[in-house]
C-alpha cells in the first residue's frame, strides 16, 4: 500500500491579492467561498495536517477538514519583508531580492533561506512517505514548492520555477523508497 498525499495551498488572502509577503492573516471572502466549493471534491481522507498559520487553519476548516497542526508545515520565515509588498521590497532592496530568488542559501531578509525551508520540510515528507492511505496537508506555496523539489529530487534552484496559487492541489504518491509526482494544478 502506498501513501497518497495531497498538498493544498491555503485560500486567497489580502496579501495574495496585494502581491505582498504575508503576515499571519485570515483568508478573504473569495478564498472562503472557493474553499467551500472545493470541499466536496476531496474524497476519502485518512489523515489531515495543516500549518499553524491562521490562513492554513481557516482553509482546512472551509474544506470541512479536521487537521492536526504540524509546525514543520509553517510558511517560510520572511523576516523583515513580512507584510511588505513585493514592489516595495524591489524598490528598496533590489539586489537583496535578486540574491534571494537566485541563491537558495540566501536569506537577506533575516528569515529563512529556501535551502533551510527545504531541509525543514524533508523530515515531515519522509515520515509521510511511510504512511498508508489518503493524506491531505493544507499549507503554503513555499512549503508545497519545497515538497515538490524533494519529491522529484530536483536542484533547490528549481524552487522558484514552481507556481503555486491559492487552493492549488499537488498530488504525490509515495512508498518507503520514493515519491512520485502524480499531478500539479487546480
N, C-alpha and C. Protein backbone atom coordinates (compact mmCIF):
# COMPACT_ATOMS: atom_id res chain seq x y z
N UNK A 1 0.85 -1.19 0.00
CA UNK A 1 0.00 0.00 0.00
C UNK A 1 0.88 1.24 0.00
N UNK A 2 0.44 2.27 -0.66
CA UNK A 2 1.23 3.49 -0.75
C UNK A 2 0.50 4.66 -0.10
N UNK A 3 1.28 5.68 0.18
CA UNK A 3 0.72 6.93 0.69
C UNK A 3 0.27 7.77 -0.50
N UNK A 4 -0.89 8.36 -0.38
CA UNK A 4 -1.38 9.30 -1.38
C UNK A 4 -1.53 10.64 -0.68
N UNK A 5 -0.59 11.52 -0.96
CA UNK A 5 -0.52 12.82 -0.28
C UNK A 5 -0.99 13.92 -1.21
N UNK A 6 -1.99 14.67 -0.75
CA UNK A 6 -2.44 15.85 -1.48
C UNK A 6 -2.08 17.07 -0.67
N UNK A 7 -1.25 17.92 -1.25
CA UNK A 7 -0.88 19.19 -0.63
C UNK A 7 -1.79 20.25 -1.21
N UNK A 8 -2.48 20.99 -0.35
CA UNK A 8 -3.40 22.03 -0.80
C UNK A 8 -2.89 23.36 -0.27
N UNK A 9 -2.74 24.31 -1.18
CA UNK A 9 -2.33 25.65 -0.78
C UNK A 9 -3.50 26.37 -0.12
N UNK A 10 -3.20 27.17 0.88
CA UNK A 10 -4.26 27.93 1.54
C UNK A 10 -5.00 28.81 0.54
N UNK A 11 -6.20 29.21 0.91
CA UNK A 11 -7.04 30.07 0.07
C UNK A 11 -6.46 31.49 0.02
N UNK A 12 -7.01 32.30 -0.84
CA UNK A 12 -6.51 33.66 -1.04
C UNK A 12 -6.67 34.52 0.22
N UNK A 13 -5.77 35.49 0.31
CA UNK A 13 -5.74 36.43 1.43
C UNK A 13 -5.52 37.83 0.87
N UNK A 14 -5.58 38.83 1.74
CA UNK A 14 -5.31 40.20 1.31
C UNK A 14 -3.88 40.32 0.77
N UNK A 15 -2.92 39.63 1.38
CA UNK A 15 -1.53 39.69 0.90
C UNK A 15 -1.38 39.06 -0.48
N UNK A 16 -2.08 37.96 -0.71
CA UNK A 16 -2.02 37.33 -2.03
C UNK A 16 -2.52 38.33 -3.07
N UNK A 17 -3.62 38.97 -2.79
CA UNK A 17 -4.21 39.91 -3.75
C UNK A 17 -3.34 41.16 -3.95
N UNK A 18 -2.57 41.54 -2.92
CA UNK A 18 -1.72 42.74 -2.99
C UNK A 18 -0.29 42.43 -3.43
N UNK A 19 -0.01 41.17 -3.76
CA UNK A 19 1.35 40.74 -4.10
C UNK A 19 2.32 41.15 -2.99
N UNK A 20 1.95 40.77 -1.76
CA UNK A 20 2.75 41.12 -0.59
C UNK A 20 3.25 39.86 0.10
N UNK A 21 4.36 40.00 0.81
CA UNK A 21 4.86 38.91 1.64
C UNK A 21 3.94 38.83 2.85
N UNK A 22 3.34 37.67 3.12
CA UNK A 22 2.25 37.60 4.09
C UNK A 22 2.68 37.71 5.55
N UNK A 23 1.71 38.17 6.33
CA UNK A 23 1.75 38.06 7.77
C UNK A 23 0.80 36.93 8.12
N UNK A 24 0.58 36.67 9.40
CA UNK A 24 -0.40 35.65 9.79
C UNK A 24 -1.78 36.28 9.69
N UNK A 25 -2.47 36.00 8.60
CA UNK A 25 -3.71 36.69 8.28
C UNK A 25 -4.80 35.71 7.90
N UNK A 26 -6.06 36.16 7.96
CA UNK A 26 -7.16 35.29 7.57
C UNK A 26 -7.30 35.18 6.06
N UNK A 27 -8.04 34.17 5.62
CA UNK A 27 -8.39 34.08 4.22
C UNK A 27 -9.47 35.13 3.94
N UNK A 28 -9.57 35.54 2.68
CA UNK A 28 -10.57 36.55 2.34
C UNK A 28 -11.88 35.87 1.94
N UNK A 29 -12.91 36.68 1.70
CA UNK A 29 -14.25 36.15 1.40
C UNK A 29 -14.24 35.29 0.15
N UNK A 30 -13.53 35.72 -0.89
CA UNK A 30 -13.47 34.93 -2.12
C UNK A 30 -12.75 33.60 -1.87
N UNK A 31 -11.69 33.62 -1.10
CA UNK A 31 -10.98 32.39 -0.75
C UNK A 31 -11.87 31.44 0.03
N UNK A 32 -12.62 31.98 0.97
CA UNK A 32 -13.55 31.17 1.77
C UNK A 32 -14.58 30.50 0.86
N UNK A 33 -15.14 31.26 -0.05
CA UNK A 33 -16.15 30.75 -0.98
C UNK A 33 -15.59 29.64 -1.86
N UNK A 34 -14.40 29.86 -2.40
CA UNK A 34 -13.79 28.85 -3.27
C UNK A 34 -13.40 27.60 -2.50
N UNK A 35 -12.93 27.75 -1.27
CA UNK A 35 -12.58 26.59 -0.46
C UNK A 35 -13.83 25.78 -0.12
N UNK A 36 -14.91 26.45 0.21
CA UNK A 36 -16.17 25.74 0.50
C UNK A 36 -16.63 24.95 -0.73
N UNK A 37 -16.46 25.52 -1.92
CA UNK A 37 -16.85 24.83 -3.15
C UNK A 37 -15.98 23.61 -3.42
N UNK A 38 -14.73 23.67 -3.02
CA UNK A 38 -13.80 22.57 -3.23
C UNK A 38 -14.00 21.43 -2.23
N UNK A 39 -14.61 21.72 -1.11
CA UNK A 39 -14.73 20.75 -0.01
C UNK A 39 -15.32 19.41 -0.46
N UNK A 40 -16.31 19.42 -1.31
CA UNK A 40 -16.95 18.19 -1.74
C UNK A 40 -16.15 17.35 -2.71
N UNK A 41 -15.06 17.88 -3.24
CA UNK A 41 -14.26 17.18 -4.24
C UNK A 41 -13.07 16.41 -3.67
N UNK A 42 -12.92 16.39 -2.37
CA UNK A 42 -11.70 15.83 -1.78
C UNK A 42 -11.74 14.32 -1.60
N UNK A 43 -12.90 13.73 -1.58
CA UNK A 43 -13.00 12.28 -1.43
C UNK A 43 -12.63 11.82 -0.03
N UNK A 44 -12.34 10.53 0.09
CA UNK A 44 -12.00 9.94 1.38
C UNK A 44 -10.65 10.49 1.86
N UNK A 45 -10.57 10.76 3.15
CA UNK A 45 -9.34 11.27 3.74
C UNK A 45 -9.05 10.46 5.01
N UNK A 46 -7.81 9.97 5.11
CA UNK A 46 -7.43 9.17 6.28
C UNK A 46 -6.67 9.97 7.33
N UNK A 47 -5.97 11.02 6.92
CA UNK A 47 -5.23 11.86 7.86
C UNK A 47 -5.12 13.26 7.27
N UNK A 48 -5.15 14.26 8.13
CA UNK A 48 -5.08 15.65 7.68
C UNK A 48 -4.13 16.43 8.57
N UNK A 49 -3.28 17.23 7.92
CA UNK A 49 -2.32 18.09 8.60
C UNK A 49 -2.49 19.51 8.09
N UNK A 50 -2.09 20.47 8.88
CA UNK A 50 -2.08 21.86 8.44
C UNK A 50 -0.92 22.59 9.08
N UNK A 51 -0.49 23.65 8.40
CA UNK A 51 0.46 24.56 9.02
C UNK A 51 -0.24 25.34 10.12
N UNK A 52 0.52 25.94 11.04
CA UNK A 52 -0.09 26.61 12.19
C UNK A 52 -0.71 27.98 11.89
N UNK A 53 -0.42 28.59 10.75
CA UNK A 53 -0.92 29.93 10.47
C UNK A 53 -2.43 29.94 10.29
N UNK A 54 -3.02 31.08 10.63
CA UNK A 54 -4.47 31.25 10.55
C UNK A 54 -5.00 30.93 9.16
N UNK A 55 -4.34 31.39 8.11
CA UNK A 55 -4.84 31.18 6.75
C UNK A 55 -4.88 29.70 6.38
N UNK A 56 -3.94 28.91 6.87
CA UNK A 56 -3.95 27.47 6.60
C UNK A 56 -5.06 26.79 7.41
N UNK A 57 -5.19 27.15 8.67
CA UNK A 57 -6.23 26.54 9.51
C UNK A 57 -7.63 26.91 9.04
N UNK A 58 -7.84 28.16 8.62
CA UNK A 58 -9.15 28.57 8.11
C UNK A 58 -9.47 27.87 6.79
N UNK A 59 -8.49 27.68 5.95
CA UNK A 59 -8.72 26.96 4.70
C UNK A 59 -9.13 25.52 5.00
N UNK A 60 -8.43 24.87 5.92
CA UNK A 60 -8.79 23.49 6.29
C UNK A 60 -10.22 23.44 6.81
N UNK A 61 -10.60 24.40 7.64
CA UNK A 61 -11.97 24.43 8.17
C UNK A 61 -12.99 24.62 7.05
N UNK A 62 -12.69 25.51 6.10
CA UNK A 62 -13.61 25.73 4.97
C UNK A 62 -13.71 24.49 4.09
N UNK A 63 -12.65 23.69 4.07
CA UNK A 63 -12.66 22.43 3.31
C UNK A 63 -13.35 21.30 4.08
N UNK A 64 -13.86 21.62 5.27
CA UNK A 64 -14.54 20.65 6.13
C UNK A 64 -13.59 19.56 6.63
N UNK A 65 -12.33 19.95 6.86
CA UNK A 65 -11.32 19.03 7.35
C UNK A 65 -11.03 19.33 8.82
N UNK A 66 -10.56 18.34 9.53
CA UNK A 66 -10.22 18.47 10.95
C UNK A 66 -8.77 18.05 11.13
N UNK A 67 -7.85 18.98 10.85
CA UNK A 67 -6.43 18.62 10.80
C UNK A 67 -5.73 18.68 12.16
N UNK A 68 -4.61 18.02 12.21
CA UNK A 68 -3.64 18.21 13.28
C UNK A 68 -2.69 19.30 12.79
N UNK A 69 -2.27 20.18 13.68
CA UNK A 69 -1.33 21.23 13.31
C UNK A 69 0.08 20.65 13.33
N UNK A 70 0.81 20.89 12.25
CA UNK A 70 2.19 20.40 12.13
C UNK A 70 3.12 21.61 11.96
N UNK A 71 3.95 21.90 12.96
CA UNK A 71 4.85 23.06 12.87
C UNK A 71 5.80 23.02 11.67
N UNK A 72 6.17 21.84 11.19
CA UNK A 72 7.07 21.76 10.04
C UNK A 72 6.41 22.26 8.76
N UNK A 73 5.09 22.40 8.75
CA UNK A 73 4.36 22.90 7.58
C UNK A 73 4.12 24.41 7.63
N UNK A 74 4.77 25.10 8.58
CA UNK A 74 4.61 26.56 8.67
C UNK A 74 5.25 27.21 7.44
N UNK A 75 4.78 28.41 7.15
CA UNK A 75 5.26 29.14 5.99
C UNK A 75 6.73 29.52 6.17
N UNK A 76 7.39 29.84 5.07
CA UNK A 76 8.78 30.28 5.12
C UNK A 76 8.86 31.58 5.94
N UNK A 77 9.87 31.69 6.76
CA UNK A 77 10.08 32.89 7.57
C UNK A 77 10.67 33.97 6.67
N UNK A 78 9.92 35.03 6.46
CA UNK A 78 10.33 36.10 5.55
C UNK A 78 11.00 37.26 6.26
N UNK A 79 11.27 37.12 7.54
CA UNK A 79 12.00 38.13 8.30
C UNK A 79 11.37 39.51 8.16
N UNK A 80 12.20 40.51 7.89
CA UNK A 80 11.74 41.90 7.84
C UNK A 80 10.89 42.21 6.61
N UNK A 81 10.82 41.29 5.65
CA UNK A 81 9.99 41.51 4.48
C UNK A 81 8.51 41.18 4.73
N UNK A 82 8.20 40.46 5.78
CA UNK A 82 6.82 40.07 6.07
C UNK A 82 5.94 41.32 6.18
N UNK A 83 4.84 41.31 5.47
CA UNK A 83 3.90 42.42 5.48
C UNK A 83 4.17 43.48 4.42
N UNK A 84 5.30 43.41 3.74
CA UNK A 84 5.64 44.39 2.71
C UNK A 84 5.28 43.84 1.34
N UNK A 85 4.96 44.73 0.41
CA UNK A 85 4.66 44.27 -0.95
C UNK A 85 5.96 43.93 -1.67
N UNK A 86 5.81 43.07 -2.66
CA UNK A 86 6.95 42.71 -3.50
C UNK A 86 7.55 43.96 -4.13
N UNK A 87 6.70 44.85 -4.65
CA UNK A 87 7.18 46.06 -5.31
C UNK A 87 7.94 46.96 -4.34
N UNK A 88 7.50 47.06 -3.10
CA UNK A 88 8.19 47.88 -2.10
C UNK A 88 9.57 47.32 -1.80
N UNK A 89 9.66 46.00 -1.65
CA UNK A 89 10.96 45.37 -1.41
C UNK A 89 11.85 45.53 -2.63
N UNK A 90 11.29 45.35 -3.81
CA UNK A 90 12.07 45.50 -5.04
C UNK A 90 12.62 46.92 -5.17
N UNK A 91 11.82 47.92 -4.82
CA UNK A 91 12.27 49.31 -4.91
C UNK A 91 13.34 49.63 -3.88
N UNK A 92 13.20 49.09 -2.67
CA UNK A 92 14.13 49.41 -1.58
C UNK A 92 15.38 48.54 -1.58
N UNK A 93 15.24 47.28 -1.97
CA UNK A 93 16.34 46.32 -1.86
C UNK A 93 16.43 45.42 -3.10
N UNK A 94 16.61 46.01 -4.28
CA UNK A 94 16.58 45.18 -5.49
C UNK A 94 17.65 44.09 -5.50
N UNK A 95 18.86 44.40 -5.04
CA UNK A 95 19.92 43.40 -5.06
C UNK A 95 19.60 42.26 -4.09
N UNK A 96 19.03 42.58 -2.95
CA UNK A 96 18.68 41.56 -1.96
C UNK A 96 17.61 40.62 -2.52
N UNK A 97 16.63 41.17 -3.21
CA UNK A 97 15.58 40.35 -3.78
C UNK A 97 16.12 39.45 -4.89
N UNK A 98 16.99 39.99 -5.73
CA UNK A 98 17.62 39.18 -6.77
C UNK A 98 18.47 38.08 -6.14
N UNK A 99 19.20 38.41 -5.09
CA UNK A 99 20.02 37.42 -4.39
C UNK A 99 19.14 36.30 -3.83
N UNK A 100 18.04 36.67 -3.19
CA UNK A 100 17.16 35.68 -2.56
C UNK A 100 16.52 34.75 -3.58
N UNK A 101 16.09 35.30 -4.71
CA UNK A 101 15.45 34.46 -5.72
C UNK A 101 16.44 33.72 -6.61
N UNK A 102 17.71 34.06 -6.53
CA UNK A 102 18.73 33.39 -7.33
C UNK A 102 19.61 32.43 -6.58
N UNK A 103 19.71 32.60 -5.26
CA UNK A 103 20.59 31.76 -4.44
C UNK A 103 19.76 31.11 -3.34
N UNK A 104 19.55 29.79 -3.40
CA UNK A 104 18.71 29.13 -2.41
C UNK A 104 19.25 29.21 -0.98
N UNK A 105 20.53 29.54 -0.83
CA UNK A 105 21.10 29.66 0.51
C UNK A 105 20.98 31.07 1.09
N UNK A 106 20.54 32.04 0.29
CA UNK A 106 20.47 33.43 0.72
C UNK A 106 19.22 33.68 1.57
N UNK A 107 19.40 34.55 2.55
CA UNK A 107 18.28 34.99 3.39
C UNK A 107 18.49 36.45 3.76
N UNK A 108 18.50 37.35 2.77
CA UNK A 108 18.81 38.76 3.05
C UNK A 108 17.75 39.44 3.92
N UNK A 109 16.60 38.84 4.05
CA UNK A 109 15.51 39.40 4.87
C UNK A 109 15.68 39.07 6.34
N UNK A 110 16.69 38.25 6.67
CA UNK A 110 16.92 37.86 8.06
C UNK A 110 16.06 36.70 8.50
N UNK A 111 15.34 36.11 7.58
CA UNK A 111 14.47 34.97 7.90
C UNK A 111 15.10 33.67 7.45
N UNK A 112 14.32 32.85 6.79
CA UNK A 112 14.73 31.51 6.40
C UNK A 112 15.11 31.46 4.92
N UNK A 113 16.16 30.76 4.60
CA UNK A 113 16.54 30.57 3.20
C UNK A 113 15.68 29.47 2.59
N UNK A 114 15.66 29.41 1.27
CA UNK A 114 14.95 28.33 0.57
C UNK A 114 15.56 26.99 0.97
N UNK A 115 16.88 26.92 1.04
CA UNK A 115 17.53 25.67 1.46
C UNK A 115 17.09 25.28 2.86
N UNK A 116 17.01 26.25 3.76
CA UNK A 116 16.55 25.97 5.12
C UNK A 116 15.13 25.44 5.14
N UNK A 117 14.27 26.04 4.33
CA UNK A 117 12.88 25.58 4.23
C UNK A 117 12.84 24.14 3.71
N UNK A 118 13.56 23.86 2.65
CA UNK A 118 13.57 22.51 2.08
C UNK A 118 14.04 21.50 3.13
N UNK A 119 15.07 21.84 3.87
CA UNK A 119 15.57 20.92 4.90
C UNK A 119 14.59 20.77 6.05
N UNK A 120 13.78 21.80 6.32
CA UNK A 120 12.75 21.69 7.36
C UNK A 120 11.62 20.77 6.91
N UNK A 121 11.24 20.83 5.63
CA UNK A 121 10.14 20.02 5.11
C UNK A 121 10.57 18.56 4.92
N UNK A 122 11.85 18.31 4.68
CA UNK A 122 12.36 16.97 4.38
C UNK A 122 11.92 15.90 5.39
N UNK A 123 12.10 16.09 6.70
CA UNK A 123 11.72 15.00 7.62
C UNK A 123 10.22 14.73 7.65
N UNK A 124 9.41 15.77 7.53
CA UNK A 124 7.97 15.56 7.52
C UNK A 124 7.56 14.76 6.28
N UNK A 125 8.08 15.16 5.13
CA UNK A 125 7.75 14.45 3.89
C UNK A 125 8.24 13.00 3.95
N UNK A 126 9.39 12.79 4.55
CA UNK A 126 9.91 11.42 4.73
C UNK A 126 8.99 10.57 5.60
N UNK A 127 8.46 11.16 6.67
CA UNK A 127 7.52 10.42 7.52
C UNK A 127 6.24 10.08 6.76
N UNK A 128 5.75 11.01 5.95
CA UNK A 128 4.51 10.77 5.21
C UNK A 128 4.69 9.67 4.17
N UNK A 129 5.88 9.54 3.62
CA UNK A 129 6.15 8.51 2.62
C UNK A 129 5.92 7.12 3.19
N UNK A 130 6.14 6.94 4.47
CA UNK A 130 5.95 5.64 5.11
C UNK A 130 4.52 5.38 5.55
N UNK A 131 3.64 6.36 5.42
CA UNK A 131 2.23 6.19 5.80
C UNK A 131 1.47 5.48 4.69
N UNK A 132 0.28 5.04 5.02
CA UNK A 132 -0.60 4.47 4.00
C UNK A 132 -1.91 5.25 4.01
N UNK A 133 -2.61 5.20 2.91
CA UNK A 133 -3.90 5.85 2.82
C UNK A 133 -3.82 7.22 2.19
N UNK A 134 -4.92 7.94 2.30
CA UNK A 134 -5.05 9.27 1.69
C UNK A 134 -4.81 10.33 2.74
N UNK A 135 -3.80 11.16 2.48
CA UNK A 135 -3.38 12.19 3.43
C UNK A 135 -3.52 13.54 2.74
N UNK A 136 -4.01 14.51 3.49
CA UNK A 136 -4.09 15.89 2.99
C UNK A 136 -3.29 16.78 3.93
N UNK A 137 -2.56 17.72 3.34
CA UNK A 137 -1.86 18.75 4.10
C UNK A 137 -2.23 20.10 3.52
N UNK A 138 -2.77 20.98 4.35
CA UNK A 138 -3.11 22.33 3.94
C UNK A 138 -1.98 23.23 4.42
N UNK A 139 -1.31 23.87 3.47
CA UNK A 139 -0.11 24.62 3.83
C UNK A 139 0.08 25.81 2.90
N UNK A 140 1.30 26.16 2.59
CA UNK A 140 1.65 27.41 1.91
C UNK A 140 2.39 27.16 0.60
N UNK A 141 2.37 28.14 -0.30
CA UNK A 141 3.07 27.95 -1.58
C UNK A 141 4.54 27.52 -1.41
N UNK A 142 5.25 28.16 -0.51
CA UNK A 142 6.67 27.84 -0.33
C UNK A 142 6.87 26.42 0.16
N UNK A 143 6.03 25.96 1.07
CA UNK A 143 6.15 24.59 1.59
C UNK A 143 5.83 23.59 0.48
N UNK A 144 4.84 23.89 -0.33
CA UNK A 144 4.48 22.99 -1.43
C UNK A 144 5.61 22.95 -2.47
N UNK A 145 6.18 24.10 -2.78
CA UNK A 145 7.34 24.10 -3.69
C UNK A 145 8.47 23.24 -3.15
N UNK A 146 8.75 23.38 -1.85
CA UNK A 146 9.81 22.59 -1.21
C UNK A 146 9.51 21.11 -1.32
N UNK A 147 8.27 20.72 -1.09
CA UNK A 147 7.88 19.30 -1.16
C UNK A 147 8.05 18.76 -2.58
N UNK A 148 7.69 19.56 -3.59
CA UNK A 148 7.85 19.12 -4.98
C UNK A 148 9.33 18.96 -5.31
N UNK A 149 10.15 19.93 -4.92
CA UNK A 149 11.59 19.83 -5.15
C UNK A 149 12.13 18.53 -4.55
N UNK A 150 11.72 18.23 -3.32
CA UNK A 150 12.17 17.00 -2.66
C UNK A 150 11.63 15.75 -3.36
N UNK A 151 10.36 15.77 -3.72
CA UNK A 151 9.73 14.59 -4.32
C UNK A 151 10.38 14.19 -5.63
N UNK A 152 10.71 15.17 -6.45
CA UNK A 152 11.29 14.85 -7.76
C UNK A 152 12.81 14.93 -7.75
N UNK A 153 13.36 15.12 -6.57
CA UNK A 153 14.82 15.17 -6.39
C UNK A 153 15.45 16.22 -7.29
N UNK A 154 14.81 17.39 -7.35
CA UNK A 154 15.30 18.49 -8.18
C UNK A 154 16.33 19.32 -7.41
N UNK A 155 17.09 20.09 -8.13
CA UNK A 155 18.02 21.04 -7.53
C UNK A 155 17.20 22.13 -6.84
N UNK A 156 17.67 22.62 -5.71
CA UNK A 156 16.92 23.64 -4.96
C UNK A 156 16.73 24.93 -5.75
N UNK A 157 17.53 25.18 -6.78
CA UNK A 157 17.33 26.36 -7.62
C UNK A 157 16.04 26.26 -8.43
N UNK A 158 15.45 25.06 -8.51
CA UNK A 158 14.18 24.87 -9.22
C UNK A 158 12.99 25.40 -8.43
N UNK A 159 13.18 25.69 -7.15
CA UNK A 159 12.12 26.14 -6.26
C UNK A 159 11.28 27.25 -6.88
N UNK A 160 11.91 28.27 -7.43
CA UNK A 160 11.19 29.43 -7.96
C UNK A 160 10.53 29.16 -9.30
N UNK A 161 10.73 28.00 -9.88
CA UNK A 161 10.12 27.66 -11.17
C UNK A 161 8.83 26.86 -11.02
N UNK A 162 8.36 26.78 -9.80
CA UNK A 162 7.12 26.05 -9.50
C UNK A 162 6.09 27.08 -9.05
N UNK A 163 5.00 27.18 -9.80
CA UNK A 163 3.96 28.17 -9.49
C UNK A 163 2.86 27.49 -8.68
N UNK A 164 2.58 28.06 -7.51
CA UNK A 164 1.56 27.51 -6.63
C UNK A 164 0.64 28.65 -6.22
N UNK A 165 -0.60 28.60 -6.68
CA UNK A 165 -1.58 29.63 -6.36
C UNK A 165 -2.54 29.17 -5.28
N UNK A 166 -3.42 30.06 -4.85
CA UNK A 166 -4.40 29.70 -3.82
C UNK A 166 -5.22 28.47 -4.22
N UNK A 167 -5.35 27.56 -3.28
CA UNK A 167 -6.10 26.31 -3.41
C UNK A 167 -5.54 25.35 -4.47
N UNK A 168 -4.33 25.61 -4.92
CA UNK A 168 -3.66 24.67 -5.82
C UNK A 168 -3.50 23.33 -5.10
N UNK A 169 -3.69 22.25 -5.84
CA UNK A 169 -3.53 20.91 -5.27
C UNK A 169 -2.38 20.19 -5.97
N UNK A 170 -1.49 19.64 -5.17
CA UNK A 170 -0.38 18.84 -5.66
C UNK A 170 -0.56 17.44 -5.10
N UNK A 171 -0.52 16.46 -5.98
CA UNK A 171 -0.71 15.07 -5.54
C UNK A 171 0.60 14.31 -5.71
N UNK A 172 1.01 13.67 -4.62
CA UNK A 172 2.19 12.82 -4.60
C UNK A 172 1.78 11.42 -4.18
N UNK A 173 2.43 10.43 -4.75
CA UNK A 173 2.22 9.04 -4.34
C UNK A 173 3.57 8.56 -3.83
N UNK A 174 3.57 7.99 -2.64
CA UNK A 174 4.83 7.58 -2.05
C UNK A 174 4.83 6.15 -1.58
N UNK A 175 6.02 5.58 -1.56
CA UNK A 175 6.24 4.29 -0.94
C UNK A 175 7.49 4.45 -0.09
N UNK A 176 7.91 3.44 0.64
CA UNK A 176 9.07 3.64 1.51
C UNK A 176 10.34 4.09 0.80
N UNK A 177 10.44 3.91 -0.51
CA UNK A 177 11.66 4.27 -1.24
C UNK A 177 11.64 5.67 -1.83
N UNK A 178 10.46 6.14 -2.31
CA UNK A 178 10.46 7.43 -3.01
C UNK A 178 9.04 7.97 -3.20
N UNK A 179 8.99 9.23 -3.63
CA UNK A 179 7.76 9.89 -4.03
C UNK A 179 7.68 9.96 -5.55
N UNK A 180 6.46 9.98 -6.06
CA UNK A 180 6.20 10.24 -7.46
C UNK A 180 5.20 11.38 -7.54
N UNK A 181 5.47 12.36 -8.37
CA UNK A 181 4.55 13.47 -8.59
C UNK A 181 3.44 12.98 -9.50
N UNK A 182 2.22 12.95 -8.99
CA UNK A 182 1.08 12.50 -9.78
C UNK A 182 0.43 13.65 -10.53
N UNK A 183 0.26 14.80 -9.86
CA UNK A 183 -0.34 15.93 -10.55
C UNK A 183 -0.03 17.22 -9.81
N UNK A 184 -0.06 18.32 -10.56
CA UNK A 184 0.18 19.64 -10.03
C UNK A 184 -0.81 20.55 -10.71
N UNK A 185 -1.72 21.13 -9.97
CA UNK A 185 -2.69 22.03 -10.59
C UNK A 185 -3.84 22.36 -9.69
N UNK A 186 -4.84 22.96 -10.28
CA UNK A 186 -6.01 23.38 -9.51
C UNK A 186 -7.04 22.29 -9.46
